[in-house]
Amino acid sequence: MLRSASALEAYRKRYGNSIRISNVIDVLLLDPAFPRSARYSLDRLRVSMERIANQGPEPSPACSALSELAAFLSSKKPAELIKSGLHQSLLHIQDGCAAIGDEVFRHYLKSD
């Protein structure tokens, strides 16, 4: 999984050669500085969405969904995601991303 996300080198620099699920979760989901992590991507998307929202008459509903998902990721530790059920956490992140995408489409791209 690390190799497929081009994260193996970054993982090894930080944690060495021992692969542990909590460290993989940290790199791939929660790292605010690793460009391929979910948290990094959501943080960059939030910055872009705020720029767009500042130019429009009203903020997109996607902004609040994005803030909620970003807060979820920034408040969690790998052990918490494992304890609460990693599969459920991943589904929550996936569903949140899908909802954000749907709201962006409805608010900015859909023509009636």
PDB file of N, CA and C in Angstrom:
ATOM      1  N   MET A   1       0.823  -1.177   0.000  1.00  0.00           N
ATOM      2  CA  MET A   1       0.000   0.000   0.000  1.00  0.00           C
ATOM      3  C   MET A   1       0.874   1.251   0.000  1.00  0.00           C
ATOM      4  N   LEU A   2       1.910   1.264   0.800  1.00  0.00           N
ATOM      5  CA  LEU A   2       2.808   2.423   0.826  1.00  0.00           C
ATOM      6  C   LEU A   2       3.449   2.638  -0.541  1.00  0.00           C
ATOM      7  N   ARG A   3       3.859   1.560  -1.156  1.00  0.00           N
ATOM      8  CA  ARG A   3       4.500   1.670  -2.469  1.00  0.00           C
ATOM      9  C   ARG A   3       3.512   2.210  -3.501  1.00  0.00           C
ATOM     10  N   SER A   4       2.282   1.747  -3.467  1.00  0.00           N
ATOM     11  CA  SER A   4       1.301   2.192  -4.463  1.00  0.00           C
ATOM     12  C   SER A   4       0.961   3.675  -4.307  1.00  0.00           C
ATOM     13  N   ALA A   5       1.139   4.221  -3.107  1.00  0.00           N
ATOM     14  CA  ALA A   5       0.884   5.642  -2.873  1.00  0.00           C
ATOM     15  C   ALA A   5       2.172   6.463  -2.941  1.00  0.00           C
ATOM     16  N   SER A   6       3.241   5.830  -3.419  1.00  0.00           N
ATOM     17  CA  SER A   6       4.563   6.481  -3.468  1.00  0.00           C
ATOM     18  C   SER A   6       4.944   7.052  -2.106  1.00  0.00           C
ATOM     19  N   ALA A   7       4.659   6.282  -1.070  1.00  0.00           N
ATOM     20  CA  ALA A   7       4.900   6.732   0.296  1.00  0.00           C
ATOM     21  C   ALA A   7       5.938   5.891   1.031  1.00  0.00           C
ATOM     22  N   LEU A   8       6.442   4.863   0.388  1.00  0.00           N
ATOM     23  CA  LEU A   8       7.361   3.960   1.079  1.00  0.00           C
ATOM     24  C   LEU A   8       8.639   4.673   1.510  1.00  0.00           C
ATOM     25  N   GLU A   9       9.201   5.474   0.646  1.00  0.00           N
ATOM     26  CA  GLU A   9      10.431   6.182   0.986  1.00  0.00           C
ATOM     27  C   GLU A   9      10.204   7.154   2.147  1.00  0.00           C
ATOM     28  N   ALA A  10       9.119   7.900   2.087  1.00  0.00           N
ATOM     29  CA  ALA A  10       8.810   8.833   3.176  1.00  0.00           C
ATOM     30  C   ALA A  10       8.569   8.070   4.478  1.00  0.00           C
ATOM     31  N   TYR A  11       7.895   6.940   4.396  1.00  0.00           N
ATOM     32  CA  TYR A  11       7.644   6.114   5.579  1.00  0.00           C
ATOM     33  C   TYR A  11       8.966   5.652   6.185  1.00  0.00           C
ATOM     34  N   ARG A  12       9.836   5.119   5.360  1.00  0.00           N
ATOM     35  CA  ARG A  12      11.110   4.594   5.861  1.00  0.00           C
ATOM     36  C   ARG A  12      11.993   5.683   6.443  1.00  0.00           C
ATOM     37  N   LYS A  13      11.947   6.873   5.879  1.00  0.00           N
ATOM     38  CA  LYS A  13      12.729   7.977   6.443  1.00  0.00           C
ATOM     39  C   LYS A  13      12.242   8.324   7.846  1.00  0.00           C
ATOM     40  N   ARG A  14      10.959   8.227   8.053  1.00  0.00           N
ATOM     41  CA  ARG A  14      10.390   8.586   9.345  1.00  0.00           C
ATOM     42  C   ARG A  14      10.433   7.441  10.356  1.00  0.00           C
ATOM     43  N   TYR A  15      10.072   6.228   9.910  1.00  0.00           N
ATOM     44  CA  TYR A  15       9.888   5.121  10.843  1.00  0.00           C
ATOM     45  C   TYR A  15      10.872   3.962  10.674  1.00  0.00           C
ATOM     46  N   GLY A  16      11.737   4.004   9.674  1.00  0.00           N
ATOM     47  CA  GLY A  16      12.653   2.896   9.450  1.00  0.00           C
ATOM     48  C   GLY A  16      11.994   1.779   8.642  1.00  0.00           C
ATOM     49  N   ASN A  17      12.572   0.593   8.705  1.00  0.00           N
ATOM     50  CA  ASN A  17      12.091  -0.517   7.873  1.00  0.00           C
ATOM     51  C   ASN A  17      10.957  -1.316   8.491  1.00  0.00           C
ATOM     52  N   SER A  18      10.691  -1.139   9.753  1.00  0.00           N
ATOM     53  CA  SER A  18       9.633  -1.887  10.425  1.00  0.00           C
ATOM     54  C   SER A  18       8.266  -1.294  10.046  1.00  0.00           C
ATOM     55  N   ILE A  19       7.442  -2.116   9.414  1.00  0.00           N
ATOM     56  CA  ILE A  19       6.113  -1.655   8.981  1.00  0.00           C
ATOM     57  C   ILE A  19       5.094  -1.957  10.080  1.00  0.00           C
ATOM     58  N   ARG A  20       4.449  -0.908  10.564  1.00  0.00           N
ATOM     59  CA  ARG A  20       3.392  -1.041  11.576  1.00  0.00           C
ATOM     60  C   ARG A  20       2.157  -0.323  11.079  1.00  0.00           C
ATOM     61  N   ILE A  21       1.017  -0.929  11.315  1.00  0.00           N
ATOM     62  CA  ILE A  21      -0.232  -0.377  10.795  1.00  0.00           C
ATOM     63  C   ILE A  21      -0.482   1.037  11.311  1.00  0.00           C
ATOM     64  N   SER A  22      -0.172   1.301  12.576  1.00  0.00           N
ATOM     65  CA  SER A  22      -0.416   2.646  13.111  1.00  0.00           C
ATOM     66  C   SER A  22       0.444   3.692  12.400  1.00  0.00           C
ATOM     67  N   ASN A  23       1.648   3.323  12.044  1.00  0.00           N
ATOM     68  CA  ASN A  23       2.519   4.257  11.323  1.00  0.00           C
ATOM     69  C   ASN A  23       2.065   4.450   9.876  1.00  0.00           C
ATOM     70  N   VAL A  24       1.561   3.390   9.269  1.00  0.00           N
ATOM     71  CA  VAL A  24       1.025   3.493   7.908  1.00  0.00           C
ATOM     72  C   VAL A  24      -0.183   4.430   7.900  1.00  0.00           C
ATOM     73  N   ILE A  25      -1.052   4.275   8.885  1.00  0.00           N
ATOM     74  CA  ILE A  25      -2.222   5.157   9.007  1.00  0.00           C
ATOM     75  C   ILE A  25      -1.777   6.604   9.193  1.00  0.00           C
ATOM     76  N   ASP A  26      -0.756   6.797  10.020  1.00  0.00           N
ATOM     77  CA  ASP A  26      -0.253   8.141  10.250  1.00  0.00           C
ATOM     78  C   ASP A  26       0.219   8.786   8.953  1.00  0.00           C
ATOM     79  N   VAL A  27       0.985   8.051   8.159  1.00  0.00           N
ATOM     80  CA  VAL A  27       1.525   8.611   6.912  1.00  0.00           C
ATOM     81  C   VAL A  27       0.436   8.802   5.866  1.00  0.00           C
ATOM     82  N   LEU A  28      -0.391   7.801   5.647  1.00  0.00           N
ATOM     83  CA  LEU A  28      -1.350   7.855   4.538  1.00  0.00           C
ATOM     84  C   LEU A  28      -2.623   8.648   4.830  1.00  0.00           C
ATOM     85  N   LEU A  29      -3.005   8.732   6.081  1.00  0.00           N
ATOM     86  CA  LEU A  29      -4.260   9.420   6.398  1.00  0.00           C
ATOM     87  C   LEU A  29      -4.073  10.723   7.162  1.00  0.00           C
ATOM     88  N   LEU A  30      -3.175  10.756   8.127  1.00  0.00           N
ATOM     89  CA  LEU A  30      -3.180  11.840   9.106  1.00  0.00           C
ATOM     90  C   LEU A  30      -2.053  12.851   8.989  1.00  0.00           C
ATOM     91  N   ASP A  31      -1.073  12.609   8.175  1.00  0.00           N
ATOM     92  CA  ASP A  31       0.095  13.490   8.097  1.00  0.00           C
ATOM     93  C   ASP A  31      -0.250  14.787   7.375  1.00  0.00           C
ATOM     94  N   PRO A  32      -0.174  15.928   8.076  1.00  0.00           N
ATOM     95  CA  PRO A  32      -0.518  17.199   7.432  1.00  0.00           C
ATOM     96  C   PRO A  32       0.568  17.709   6.480  1.00  0.00           C
ATOM     97  N   ALA A  33       1.747  17.075   6.482  1.00  0.00           N
ATOM     98  CA  ALA A  33       2.845  17.550   5.635  1.00  0.00           C
ATOM     99  C   ALA A  33       3.153  16.621   4.463  1.00  0.00           C
ATOM    100  N   PHE A  34       2.581  15.416   4.453  1.00  0.00           N
ATOM    101  CA  PHE A  34       2.862  14.472   3.365  1.00  0.00           C
ATOM    102  C   PHE A  34       1.835  14.672   2.248  1.00  0.00           C
ATOM    103  N   PRO A  35       2.296  15.060   1.048  1.00  0.00           N
ATOM    104  CA  PRO A  35       1.372  15.443  -0.029  1.00  0.00           C
ATOM    105  C   PRO A  35       0.390  14.365  -0.497  1.00  0.00           C
ATOM    106  N   ARG A  36       0.618  13.119  -0.144  1.00  0.00           N
ATOM    107  CA  ARG A  36      -0.307  12.067  -0.575  1.00  0.00           C
ATOM    108  C   ARG A  36      -1.225  11.595   0.543  1.00  0.00           C
ATOM    109  N   SER A  37      -1.156  12.248   1.697  1.00  0.00           N
ATOM    110  CA  SER A  37      -2.042  11.847   2.795  1.00  0.00           C
ATOM    111  C   SER A  37      -3.418  12.475   2.605  1.00  0.00           C
ATOM    112  N   ALA A  38      -4.409  11.828   3.182  1.00  0.00           N
ATOM    113  CA  ALA A  38      -5.777  12.351   3.099  1.00  0.00           C
ATOM    114  C   ALA A  38      -5.880  13.717   3.775  1.00  0.00           C
ATOM    115  N   ARG A  39      -5.256  13.861   4.925  1.00  0.00           N
ATOM    116  CA  ARG A  39      -5.343  15.141   5.640  1.00  0.00           C
ATOM    117  C   ARG A  39      -4.699  16.273   4.846  1.00  0.00           C
ATOM    118  N   TYR A  40      -3.536  16.037   4.280  1.00  0.00           N
ATOM    119  CA  TYR A  40      -2.867  17.059   3.473  1.00  0.00           C
ATOM    120  C   TYR A  40      -3.776  17.474   2.312  1.00  0.00           C
ATOM    121  N   SER A  41      -4.346  16.493   1.635  1.00  0.00           N
ATOM    122  CA  SER A  41      -5.212  16.786   0.486  1.00  0.00           C
ATOM    123  C   SER A  41      -6.431  17.593   0.900  1.00  0.00           C
ATOM    124  N   LEU A  42      -7.043  17.220   2.013  1.00  0.00           N
ATOM    125  CA  LEU A  42      -8.215  17.967   2.476  1.00  0.00           C
ATOM    126  C   LEU A  42      -7.848  19.380   2.914  1.00  0.00           C
ATOM    127  N   ASP A  43      -6.695  19.534   3.529  1.00  0.00           N
ATOM    128  CA  ASP A  43      -6.261  20.879   3.917  1.00  0.00           C
ATOM    129  C   ASP A  43      -6.050  21.766   2.691  1.00  0.00           C
ATOM    130  N   ARG A  44      -5.446  21.229   1.644  1.00  0.00           N
ATOM    131  CA  ARG A  44      -5.242  22.008   0.411  1.00  0.00           C
ATOM    132  C   ARG A  44      -6.580  22.304  -0.258  1.00  0.00           C
ATOM    133  N   LEU A  45      -7.480  21.343  -0.256  1.00  0.00           N
ATOM    134  CA  LEU A  45      -8.804  21.564  -0.837  1.00  0.00           C
ATOM    135  C   LEU A  45      -9.546  22.650  -0.061  1.00  0.00           C
ATOM    136  N   ARG A  46      -9.412  22.648   1.252  1.00  0.00           N
ATOM    137  CA  ARG A  46     -10.082  23.668   2.070  1.00  0.00           C
ATOM    138  C   ARG A  46      -9.580  25.065   1.721  1.00  0.00           C
ATOM    139  N   VAL A  47      -8.283  25.219   1.536  1.00  0.00           N
ATOM    140  CA  VAL A  47      -7.719  26.516   1.152  1.00  0.00           C
ATOM    141  C   VAL A  47      -8.308  26.964  -0.189  1.00  0.00           C
ATOM    142  N   SER A  48      -8.366  26.050  -1.149  1.00  0.00           N
ATOM    143  CA  SER A  48      -8.913  26.379  -2.472  1.00  0.00           C
ATOM    144  C   SER A  48     -10.396  26.723  -2.393  1.00  0.00           C
ATOM    145  N   MET A  49     -11.147  25.949  -1.620  1.00  0.00           N
ATOM    146  CA  MET A  49     -12.582  26.199  -1.492  1.00  0.00           C
ATOM    147  C   MET A  49     -12.846  27.544  -0.798  1.00  0.00           C
ATOM    148  N   GLU A  50     -12.019  27.902   0.163  1.00  0.00           N
ATOM    149  CA  GLU A  50     -12.191  29.195   0.828  1.00  0.00           C
ATOM    150  C   GLU A  50     -11.936  30.349  -0.136  1.00  0.00           C
ATOM    151  N   ARG A  51     -10.955  30.192  -1.006  1.00  0.00           N
ATOM    152  CA  ARG A  51     -10.701  31.228  -2.020  1.00  0.00           C
ATOM    153  C   ARG A  51     -11.899  31.382  -2.948  1.00  0.00           C
ATOM    154  N   ILE A  52     -12.431  30.272  -3.382  1.00  0.00           N
ATOM    155  CA  ILE A  52     -13.599  30.307  -4.272  1.00  0.00           C
ATOM    156  C   ILE A  52     -14.792  30.907  -3.542  1.00  0.00           C
ATOM    157  N   ALA A  53     -15.024  30.472  -2.315  1.00  0.00           N
ATOM    158  CA  ALA A  53     -16.179  30.950  -1.550  1.00  0.00           C
ATOM    159  C   ALA A  53     -16.088  32.450  -1.291  1.00  0.00           C
ATOM    160  N   ASN A  54     -14.886  32.984  -1.109  1.00  0.00           N
ATOM    161  CA  ASN A  54     -14.724  34.417  -0.858  1.00  0.00           C
ATOM    162  C   ASN A  54     -15.081  35.259  -2.074  1.00  0.00           C
ATOM    163  N   GLN A  55     -15.117  34.659  -3.247  1.00  0.00           N
ATOM    164  CA  GLN A  55     -15.442  35.398  -4.463  1.00  0.00           C
ATOM    165  C   GLN A  55     -16.916  35.307  -4.838  1.00  0.00           C
ATOM    166  N   GLY A  56     -17.636  34.415  -4.179  1.00  0.00           N
ATOM    167  CA  GLY A  56     -19.033  34.224  -4.518  1.00  0.00           C
ATOM    168  C   GLY A  56     -19.957  34.882  -3.512  1.00  0.00           C
ATOM    169  N   PRO A  57     -21.236  34.923  -3.848  1.00  0.00           N
ATOM    170  CA  PRO A  57     -22.204  35.571  -2.967  1.00  0.00           C
ATOM    171  C   PRO A  57     -22.501  34.764  -1.699  1.00  0.00           C
ATOM    172  N   GLU A  58     -22.353  33.457  -1.771  1.00  0.00           N
ATOM    173  CA  GLU A  58     -22.643  32.616  -0.611  1.00  0.00           C
ATOM    174  C   GLU A  58     -21.699  31.416  -0.609  1.00  0.00           C
ATOM    175  N   PRO A  59     -21.328  30.943   0.562  1.00  0.00           N
ATOM    176  CA  PRO A  59     -20.431  29.789   0.615  1.00  0.00           C
ATOM    177  C   PRO A  59     -21.136  28.514   0.174  1.00  0.00           C
ATOM    178  N   SER A  60     -20.383  27.634  -0.393  1.00  0.00           N
ATOM    179  CA  SER A  60     -20.917  26.347  -0.824  1.00  0.00           C
ATOM    180  C   SER A  60     -21.153  25.457   0.386  1.00  0.00           C
ATOM    181  N   PRO A  61     -22.187  24.625   0.359  1.00  0.00           N
ATOM    182  CA  PRO A  61     -22.371  23.634   1.422  1.00  0.00           C
ATOM    183  C   PRO A  61     -21.176  22.682   1.516  1.00  0.00           C
ATOM    184  N   ALA A  62     -20.409  22.598   0.460  1.00  0.00           N
ATOM    185  CA  ALA A  62     -19.222  21.736   0.481  1.00  0.00           C
ATOM    186  C   ALA A  62     -18.215  22.234   1.509  1.00  0.00           C
ATOM    187  N   CYS A  63     -18.187  23.529   1.765  1.00  0.00           N
ATOM    188  CA  CYS A  63     -17.239  24.088   2.733  1.00  0.00           C
ATOM    189  C   CYS A  63     -17.472  23.533   4.130  1.00  0.00           C
ATOM    190  N   SER A  64     -18.732  23.409   4.522  1.00  0.00           N
ATOM    191  CA  SER A  64     -18.995  22.880   5.867  1.00  0.00           C
ATOM    192  C   SER A  64     -18.702  21.386   5.932  1.00  0.00           C
ATOM    193  N   ALA A  65     -19.040  20.644   4.884  1.00  0.00           N
ATOM    194  CA  ALA A  65     -18.722  19.213   4.854  1.00  0.00           C
ATOM    195  C   ALA A  65     -17.213  19.001   4.869  1.00  0.00           C
ATOM    196  N   LEU A  66     -16.511  19.840   4.158  1.00  0.00           N
ATOM    197  CA  LEU A  66     -15.048  19.769   4.117  1.00  0.00           C
ATOM    198  C   LEU A  66     -14.451  20.094   5.473  1.00  0.00           C
ATOM    199  N   SER A  67     -14.964  21.103   6.129  1.00  0.00           N
ATOM    200  CA  SER A  67     -14.468  21.460   7.466  1.00  0.00           C
ATOM    201  C   SER A  67     -14.694  20.333   8.465  1.00  0.00           C
ATOM    202  N   GLU A  68     -15.848  19.692   8.386  1.00  0.00           N
ATOM    203  CA  GLU A  68     -16.150  18.578   9.286  1.00  0.00           C
ATOM    204  C   GLU A  68     -15.187  17.412   9.068  1.00  0.00           C
ATOM    205  N   LEU A  69     -14.942  17.065   7.814  1.00  0.00           N
ATOM    206  CA  LEU A  69     -14.054  15.944   7.523  1.00  0.00           C
ATOM    207  C   LEU A  69     -12.614  16.276   7.891  1.00  0.00           C
ATOM    208  N   ALA A  70     -12.183  17.494   7.621  1.00  0.00           N
ATOM    209  CA  ALA A  70     -10.827  17.920   7.987  1.00  0.00           C
ATOM    210  C   ALA A  70     -10.665  17.904   9.508  1.00  0.00           C
ATOM    211  N   ALA A  71     -11.679  18.342  10.228  1.00  0.00           N
ATOM    212  CA  ALA A  71     -11.626  18.319  11.695  1.00  0.00           C
ATOM    213  C   ALA A  71     -11.554  16.882  12.210  1.00  0.00           C
ATOM    214  N   PHE A  72     -12.290  15.993  11.581  1.00  0.00           N
ATOM    215  CA  PHE A  72     -12.248  14.577  11.951  1.00  0.00           C
ATOM    216  C   PHE A  72     -10.826  14.049  11.827  1.00  0.00           C
ATOM    217  N   LEU A  73     -10.182  14.299  10.700  1.00  0.00           N
ATOM    218  CA  LEU A  73      -8.835  13.784  10.484  1.00  0.00           C
ATOM    219  C   LEU A  73      -7.804  14.454  11.386  1.00  0.00           C
ATOM    220  N   SER A  74      -7.953  15.736  11.612  1.00  0.00           N
ATOM    221  CA  SER A  74      -6.946  16.435  12.426  1.00  0.00           C
ATOM    222  C   SER A  74      -7.080  16.096  13.909  1.00  0.00           C
ATOM    223  N   SER A  75      -8.220  15.585  14.316  1.00  0.00           N
ATOM    224  CA  SER A  75      -8.424  15.282  15.738  1.00  0.00           C
ATOM    225  C   SER A  75      -8.105  13.837  16.096  1.00  0.00           C
ATOM    226  N   LYS A  76      -7.815  13.008  15.128  1.00  0.00           N
ATOM    227  CA  LYS A  76      -7.624  11.579  15.378  1.00  0.00           C
ATOM    228  C   LYS A  76      -6.157  11.191  15.436  1.00  0.00           C
ATOM    229  N   LYS A  77      -5.912  10.152  16.196  1.00  0.00           N
ATOM    230  CA  LYS A  77      -4.616   9.486  16.260  1.00  0.00           C
ATOM    231  C   LYS A  77      -4.801   8.107  15.635  1.00  0.00           C
ATOM    232  N   PRO A  78      -3.737   7.514  15.097  1.00  0.00           N
ATOM    233  CA  PRO A  78      -3.868   6.187  14.484  1.00  0.00           C
ATOM    234  C   PRO A  78      -4.537   5.158  15.396  1.00  0.00           C
ATOM    235  N   ALA A  79      -4.169   5.142  16.669  1.00  0.00           N
ATOM    236  CA  ALA A  79      -4.751   4.162  17.597  1.00  0.00           C
ATOM    237  C   ALA A  79      -6.264   4.340  17.730  1.00  0.00           C
ATOM    238  N   GLU A  80      -6.730   5.576  17.684  1.00  0.00           N
ATOM    239  CA  GLU A  80      -8.176   5.834  17.771  1.00  0.00           C
ATOM    240  C   GLU A  80      -8.904   5.278  16.552  1.00  0.00           C
ATOM    241  N   LEU A  81      -8.307   5.464  15.369  1.00  0.00           N
ATOM    242  CA  LEU A  81      -8.941   4.953  14.152  1.00  0.00           C
ATOM    243  C   LEU A  81      -8.987   3.433  14.164  1.00  0.00           C
ATOM    244  N   ILE A  82      -7.941   2.817  14.670  1.00  0.00           N
ATOM    245  CA  ILE A  82      -7.918   1.351  14.753  1.00  0.00           C
ATOM    246  C   ILE A  82      -8.940   0.870  15.773  1.00  0.00           C
ATOM    247  N   LYS A  83      -8.958   1.492  16.941  1.00  0.00           N
ATOM    248  CA  LYS A  83      -9.866   1.065  18.010  1.00  0.00           C
ATOM    249  C   LYS A  83     -11.328   1.230  17.623  1.00  0.00           C
ATOM    250  N   SER A  84     -11.644   2.320  16.955  1.00  0.00           N
ATOM    251  CA  SER A  84     -13.033   2.563  16.557  1.00  0.00           C
ATOM    252  C   SER A  84     -13.428   1.784  15.314  1.00  0.00           C
ATOM    253  N   GLY A  85     -12.469   1.115  14.700  1.00  0.00           N
ATOM    254  CA  GLY A  85     -12.740   0.325  13.501  1.00  0.00           C
ATOM    255  C   GLY A  85     -12.173   1.022  12.283  1.00  0.00           C
ATOM    256  N   LEU A  86     -11.023   0.569  11.834  1.00  0.00           N
ATOM    257  CA  LEU A  86     -10.360   1.218  10.699  1.00  0.00           C
ATOM    258  C   LEU A  86     -11.243   1.202   9.458  1.00  0.00           C
ATOM    259  N   HIS A  87     -11.923   0.092   9.224  1.00  0.00           N
ATOM    260  CA  HIS A  87     -12.796   0.010   8.048  1.00  0.00           C
ATOM    261  C   HIS A  87     -13.881   1.077   8.107  1.00  0.00           C
ATOM    262  N   GLN A  88     -14.498   1.246   9.272  1.00  0.00           N
ATOM    263  CA  GLN A  88     -15.538   2.260   9.432  1.00  0.00           C
ATOM    264  C   GLN A  88     -14.967   3.662   9.250  1.00  0.00           C
ATOM    265  N   SER A  89     -13.767   3.882   9.760  1.00  0.00           N
ATOM    266  CA  SER A  89     -13.133   5.193   9.605  1.00  0.00           C
ATOM    267  C   SER A  89     -12.848   5.489   8.138  1.00  0.00           C
ATOM    268  N   LEU A  90     -12.351   4.492   7.420  1.00  0.00           N
ATOM    269  CA  LEU A  90     -12.073   4.683   5.995  1.00  0.00           C
ATOM    270  C   LEU A  90     -13.360   4.939   5.212  1.00  0.00           C
ATOM    271  N   LEU A  91     -14.422   4.229   5.571  1.00  0.00           N
ATOM    272  CA  LEU A  91     -15.715   4.479   4.918  1.00  0.00           C
ATOM    273  C   LEU A  91     -16.211   5.890   5.219  1.00  0.00           C
ATOM    274  N   HIS A  92     -16.008   6.353   6.444  1.00  0.00           N
ATOM    275  CA  HIS A  92     -16.407   7.714   6.813  1.00  0.00           C
ATOM    276  C   HIS A  92     -15.645   8.740   5.958  1.00  0.00           C
ATOM    277  N   ILE A  93     -14.351   8.532   5.792  1.00  0.00           N
ATOM    278  CA  ILE A  93     -13.542   9.437   4.971  1.00  0.00           C
ATOM    279  C   ILE A  93     -13.995   9.373   3.517  1.00  0.00           C
ATOM    280  N   GLN A  94     -14.216   8.177   3.008  1.00  0.00           N
ATOM    281  CA  GLN A  94     -14.653   8.004   1.619  1.00  0.00           C
ATOM    282  C   GLN A  94     -16.016   8.656   1.393  1.00  0.00           C
ATOM    283  N   ASP A  95     -16.951   8.422   2.304  1.00  0.00           N
ATOM    284  CA  ASP A  95     -18.282   9.019   2.170  1.00  0.00           C
ATOM    285  C   ASP A  95     -18.217  10.544   2.262  1.00  0.00           C
ATOM    286  N   GLY A  96     -17.366  11.046   3.152  1.00  0.00           N
ATOM    287  CA  GLY A  96     -17.201  12.488   3.278  1.00  0.00           C
ATOM    288  C   GLY A  96     -16.652  13.101   2.003  1.00  0.00           C
ATOM    289  N   CYS A  97     -15.663  12.456   1.403  1.00  0.00           N
ATOM    290  CA  CYS A  97     -15.098  12.952   0.137  1.00  0.00           C
ATOM    291  C   CYS A  97     -16.140  12.927  -0.977  1.00  0.00           C
ATOM    292  N   ALA A  98     -16.937  11.873  -1.013  1.00  0.00           N
ATOM    293  CA  ALA A  98     -17.991  11.779  -2.031  1.00  0.00           C
ATOM    294  C   ALA A  98     -19.019  12.896  -1.839  1.00  0.00           C
ATOM    295  N   ALA A  99     -19.389  13.161  -0.590  1.00  0.00           N
ATOM    296  CA  ALA A  99     -20.362  14.228  -0.318  1.00  0.00           C
ATOM    297  C   ALA A  99     -19.805  15.593  -0.714  1.00  0.00           C
ATOM    298  N   ILE A 100     -18.538  15.818  -0.444  1.00  0.00           N
ATOM    299  CA  ILE A 100     -17.900  17.081  -0.834  1.00  0.00           C
ATOM    300  C   ILE A 100     -17.913  17.216  -2.351  1.00  0.00           C
ATOM    301  N   GLY A 101     -17.549  16.162  -3.045  1.00  0.00           N
ATOM    302  CA  GLY A 101     -17.560  16.181  -4.511  1.00  0.00           C
ATOM    303  C   GLY A 101     -18.944  16.457  -5.071  1.00  0.00           C
ATOM    304  N   ASP A 102     -19.958  15.829  -4.483  1.00  0.00           N
ATOM    305  CA  ASP A 102     -21.339  16.058  -4.926  1.00  0.00           C
ATOM    306  C   ASP A 102     -21.756  17.512  -4.720  1.00  0.00           C
ATOM    307  N   GLU A 103     -21.395  18.081  -3.568  1.00  0.00           N
ATOM    308  CA  GLU A 103     -21.753  19.472  -3.282  1.00  0.00           C
ATOM    309  C   GLU A 103     -21.024  20.449  -4.213  1.00  0.00           C
ATOM    310  N   VAL A 104     -19.763  20.176  -4.487  1.00  0.00           N
ATOM    311  CA  VAL A 104     -19.022  21.031  -5.420  1.00  0.00           C
ATOM    312  C   VAL A 104     -19.683  20.982  -6.788  1.00  0.00           C
ATOM    313  N   PHE A 105     -20.062  19.799  -7.237  1.00  0.00           N
ATOM    314  CA  PHE A 105     -20.731  19.673  -8.536  1.00  0.00           C
ATOM    315  C   PHE A 105     -22.045  20.437  -8.533  1.00  0.00           C
ATOM    316  N   ARG A 106     -22.879  20.229  -7.507  1.00  0.00           N
ATOM    317  CA  ARG A 106     -24.175  20.900  -7.457  1.00  0.00           C
ATOM    318  C   ARG A 106     -24.051  22.419  -7.405  1.00  0.00           C
ATOM    319  N   HIS A 107     -23.099  22.890  -6.632  1.00  0.00           N
ATOM    320  CA  HIS A 107     -22.997  24.336  -6.401  1.00  0.00           C
ATOM    321  C   HIS A 107     -22.287  25.074  -7.540  1.00  0.00           C
ATOM    322  N   TYR A 108     -21.282  24.438  -8.152  1.00  0.00           N
ATOM    323  CA  TYR A 108     -20.455  25.173  -9.110  1.00  0.00           C
ATOM    324  C   TYR A 108     -20.535  24.671 -10.557  1.00  0.00           C
ATOM    325  N   LEU A 109     -20.911  23.440 -10.760  1.00  0.00           N
ATOM    326  CA  LEU A 109     -20.798  22.873 -12.113  1.00  0.00           C
ATOM    327  C   LEU A 109     -22.114  22.497 -12.767  1.00  0.00           C
ATOM    328  N   LYS A 110     -23.121  22.188 -11.981  1.00  0.00           N
ATOM    329  CA  LYS A 110     -24.387  21.751 -12.527  1.00  0.00           C
ATOM    330  C   LYS A 110     -25.116  22.901 -13.187  1.00  0.00           C
ATOM    331  N   SER A 111     -25.569  22.666 -14.390  1.00  0.00           N
ATOM    332  CA  SER A 111     -26.410  23.674 -15.041  1.00  0.00           C
ATOM    333  C   SER A 111     -27.824  23.148 -15.129  1.00  0.00           C
ATOM    334  N   ASP A 112     -28.758  23.976 -14.759  1.00  0.00           N
ATOM    335  CA  ASP A 112     -30.167  23.527 -14.730  1.00  0.00           C
ATOM    336  C   ASP A 112     -30.836  23.702 -16.044  1.00  0.00           C
TER     337      ASP A 112
END
